[in-house]
Amino acid sequence: MHEMSLCEGMLEILKEQAKTQNYSTVKTVFLEIGKLSNVEPDAMRFAFPVVAKGSLAENATLEIIEVSGQAWCMQCEKNVVIEQRYDGCPFCESHQLQVIDGEQMRIKELEVA
């Protein structure tokens, strides 16, 4: 489960930011996860409290914001929503799609004390 190591990396970012932003406790982490990022939101929800135990985020809530996959169809020249890579265009069924959103995993916002 690579989500455990992703949570460890996220915790390192929280620790670094705590030093520069002068906070000692994380109350809520708002995390954007794109549908095309190959990150499982449920696995992140499971791994986060395990990794955060004994840290500044020990009692923090993890709020996950799922971002839909979006692509540009080169055939019909439309932005389209896709559920997974290699989906066809819902309008023209072309597979000539360029992904434009939904690959990210990023900390969008923090609630701290």
Foldseek 3Di string as FASTA:
>chain_A
DCLLVVLLVVLVVVVVVCVVVVFQAFAEWEKEAFLAQPDDPVVNQVNNCVNCPPGNHNNHYYHYDYDFKWWAAPPVGDIATDNYQQAAGPPPRHSRIGTDDRNDIDGPDTDTD
